[in-house]
Amino acid sequence: MNEQFDFRALLLRIQDLLSENDRHRLHFLLGEDVPRYLRDDFSFSGTLRLLDSLFEKAFISDQDCDYLIEAFNKIHCHDAMRQLQGYQQARKQSNQRSFSLQDILHRDSEDDKICTPSL
C-alpha cells in the first residue's frame, strides 16, 4: 500500500477515539479553515468529510500532519495527537533510511566512475 492509504487508515482509527464532544470542539476550532456546512455536521461521516476538505486545501497530507497534531493538542485529545506524532516520526525515519540507501548507491556509482581504468 502507499503512504496516503496508511495515513487515511490512521485517521479512521483516530476517529474511533473521538467522543461527540471532541468532534464538536474540533469542528469549532477549525473555524474558517473549513466550509460552514462541514463544521455543522458533527457525525462520524461529517468529520471524515471535514478531514477530506483539509486534504483538498493542503492543510494536511500524509507527509505533513502538524496542523492536525496542533488541533488535537488544543482540544486535549492527546491520544490522537500522540498517534499522529508517532506516524510522522516513523515516516521521517523511513525517509532518512531511504535517503541513506540512495546516498550509498550514489557514492558507489561515483566510485565506479573514478576507478574505471582508461584503455
Protein backbone atom coordinates (compact mmCIF):
# COMPACT_ATOMS: atom_id res chain seq x y z
CA MET A 1 0.00 0.00 0.00
CA ASN A 2 1.05 3.62 -0.19
CA GLU A 3 1.62 6.23 2.50
CA GLN A 4 -1.57 8.14 1.68
CA PHE A 5 -3.57 4.95 2.27
CA ASP A 6 -1.80 4.30 5.59
CA PHE A 7 -2.36 7.89 6.73
CA ARG A 8 -6.06 7.76 5.93
CA ALA A 9 -6.32 4.43 7.80
CA LEU A 10 -4.72 6.12 10.81
CA LEU A 11 -7.25 8.95 10.60
CA LEU A 12 -10.05 6.38 10.66
CA ARG A 13 -8.60 4.80 13.81
CA ILE A 14 -8.29 8.24 15.40
CA GLN A 15 -11.95 8.96 14.63
CA ASP A 16 -12.86 5.93 16.73
CA LEU A 17 -11.12 7.61 19.69
CA LEU A 18 -13.12 10.85 19.46
CA SER A 19 -16.21 11.45 21.52
CA GLU A 20 -19.07 13.55 20.20
CA ASN A 21 -17.79 16.46 22.33
CA ASP A 22 -14.31 16.03 20.84
CA ARG A 23 -15.80 16.29 17.36
CA HIS A 24 -17.72 19.44 18.32
CA ARG A 25 -14.55 21.04 19.68
CA LEU A 26 -12.53 20.02 16.61
CA HIS A 27 -15.11 21.42 14.19
CA PHE A 28 -15.31 24.66 16.18
CA LEU A 29 -11.53 25.02 16.39
CA LEU A 30 -11.02 24.61 12.65
CA GLY A 31 -13.32 27.60 12.15
CA GLU A 32 -12.73 29.38 8.88
CA ASP A 33 -10.41 26.69 7.50
CA VAL A 34 -13.39 24.55 6.51
CA PRO A 35 -16.77 25.45 4.98
CA ARG A 36 -19.64 26.12 7.37
CA TYR A 37 -21.74 23.19 6.14
CA LEU A 38 -18.90 20.82 7.09
CA ARG A 39 -18.42 22.43 10.50
CA ASP A 40 -22.10 21.92 11.30
CA ASP A 41 -22.07 18.13 10.72
CA PHE A 42 -20.57 16.56 13.85
CA SER A 43 -21.26 12.98 12.83
CA PHE A 44 -18.53 10.45 12.13
CA SER A 45 -19.05 10.83 8.38
CA GLY A 46 -19.22 14.62 8.74
CA THR A 47 -15.84 14.63 10.46
CA LEU A 48 -14.41 12.47 7.67
CA ARG A 49 -15.69 14.99 5.11
CA LEU A 50 -14.12 17.77 7.18
CA LEU A 51 -10.77 15.94 7.10
CA ASP A 52 -11.13 15.38 3.37
CA SER A 53 -11.61 19.13 2.98
CA LEU A 54 -8.33 19.67 4.85
CA PHE A 55 -6.63 17.33 2.37
CA GLU A 56 -8.09 19.24 -0.57
CA LYS A 57 -6.93 22.59 0.83
CA ALA A 58 -3.47 21.12 1.59
CA PHE A 59 -3.73 21.80 5.33
CA ILE A 60 -2.84 18.14 5.88
CA SER A 61 -1.19 15.39 3.88
CA ASP A 62 0.45 12.05 4.52
CA GLN A 63 3.72 13.99 4.56
CA ASP A 64 2.66 16.76 6.96
CA CYS A 65 0.12 16.39 9.73
CA ASP A 66 1.39 19.18 12.00
CA TYR A 67 -1.90 21.06 11.58
CA LEU A 68 -3.89 18.13 12.98
CA ILE A 69 -1.35 17.45 15.72
CA GLU A 70 -1.74 21.04 16.90
CA ALA A 71 -5.54 20.89 16.61
CA PHE A 72 -5.78 17.70 18.69
CA ASN A 73 -3.40 19.20 21.24
CA LYS A 74 -5.57 22.33 21.52
CA ILE A 75 -8.73 20.29 22.16
CA HIS A 76 -6.90 17.99 24.61
CA CYS A 77 -7.18 14.81 22.51
CA HIS A 78 -3.72 13.68 23.48
CA ASP A 79 -4.10 10.07 22.32
CA ALA A 80 -4.93 11.26 18.81
CA MET A 81 -2.08 13.75 18.94
CA ARG A 82 0.41 11.06 20.01
CA GLN A 83 -0.71 8.67 17.28
CA LEU A 84 -0.15 11.36 14.65
CA GLN A 85 3.23 12.26 16.13
CA GLY A 86 4.22 8.59 16.07
CA TYR A 87 3.15 8.28 12.44
CA GLN A 88 5.10 11.40 11.47
CA GLN A 89 8.21 10.25 13.37
CA ALA A 90 8.11 6.80 11.75
CA ARG A 91 7.71 8.41 8.34
CA LYS A 92 10.73 10.68 8.91
CA GLN A 93 12.86 7.72 9.99
CA SER A 94 11.77 5.77 6.92
CA ASN A 95 12.65 8.70 4.67
CA GLN A 96 16.06 9.04 6.33
CA ARG A 97 16.75 5.34 5.72
CA SER A 98 15.69 5.70 2.08
CA PHE A 99 17.91 8.74 1.67
CA SER A 100 20.83 6.92 3.23
CA LEU A 101 20.44 3.99 0.83
CA GLN A 102 20.19 6.37 -2.12
CA ASP A 103 23.27 8.22 -0.87
CA ILE A 104 25.22 4.96 -0.58
CA LEU A 105 24.22 3.86 -4.08
CA HIS A 106 25.11 7.28 -5.49
CA ARG A 107 28.53 7.25 -3.81
CA ASP A 108 29.11 3.71 -5.06
CA SER A 109 28.33 4.75 -8.63
CA GLU A 110 30.67 7.74 -8.26
CA ASP A 111 33.41 5.40 -7.02
CA ASP A 112 32.85 3.20 -10.08
CA LYS A 113 33.41 6.20 -12.35
CA ILE A 114 36.61 7.14 -10.57
CA CYS A 115 38.05 3.61 -10.61
CA THR A 116 37.32 2.87 -14.26
CA PRO A 117 40.69 2.38 -15.99
CA SER A 118 41.30 4.12 -19.30
CA LEU A 119 42.32 1.96 -22.21
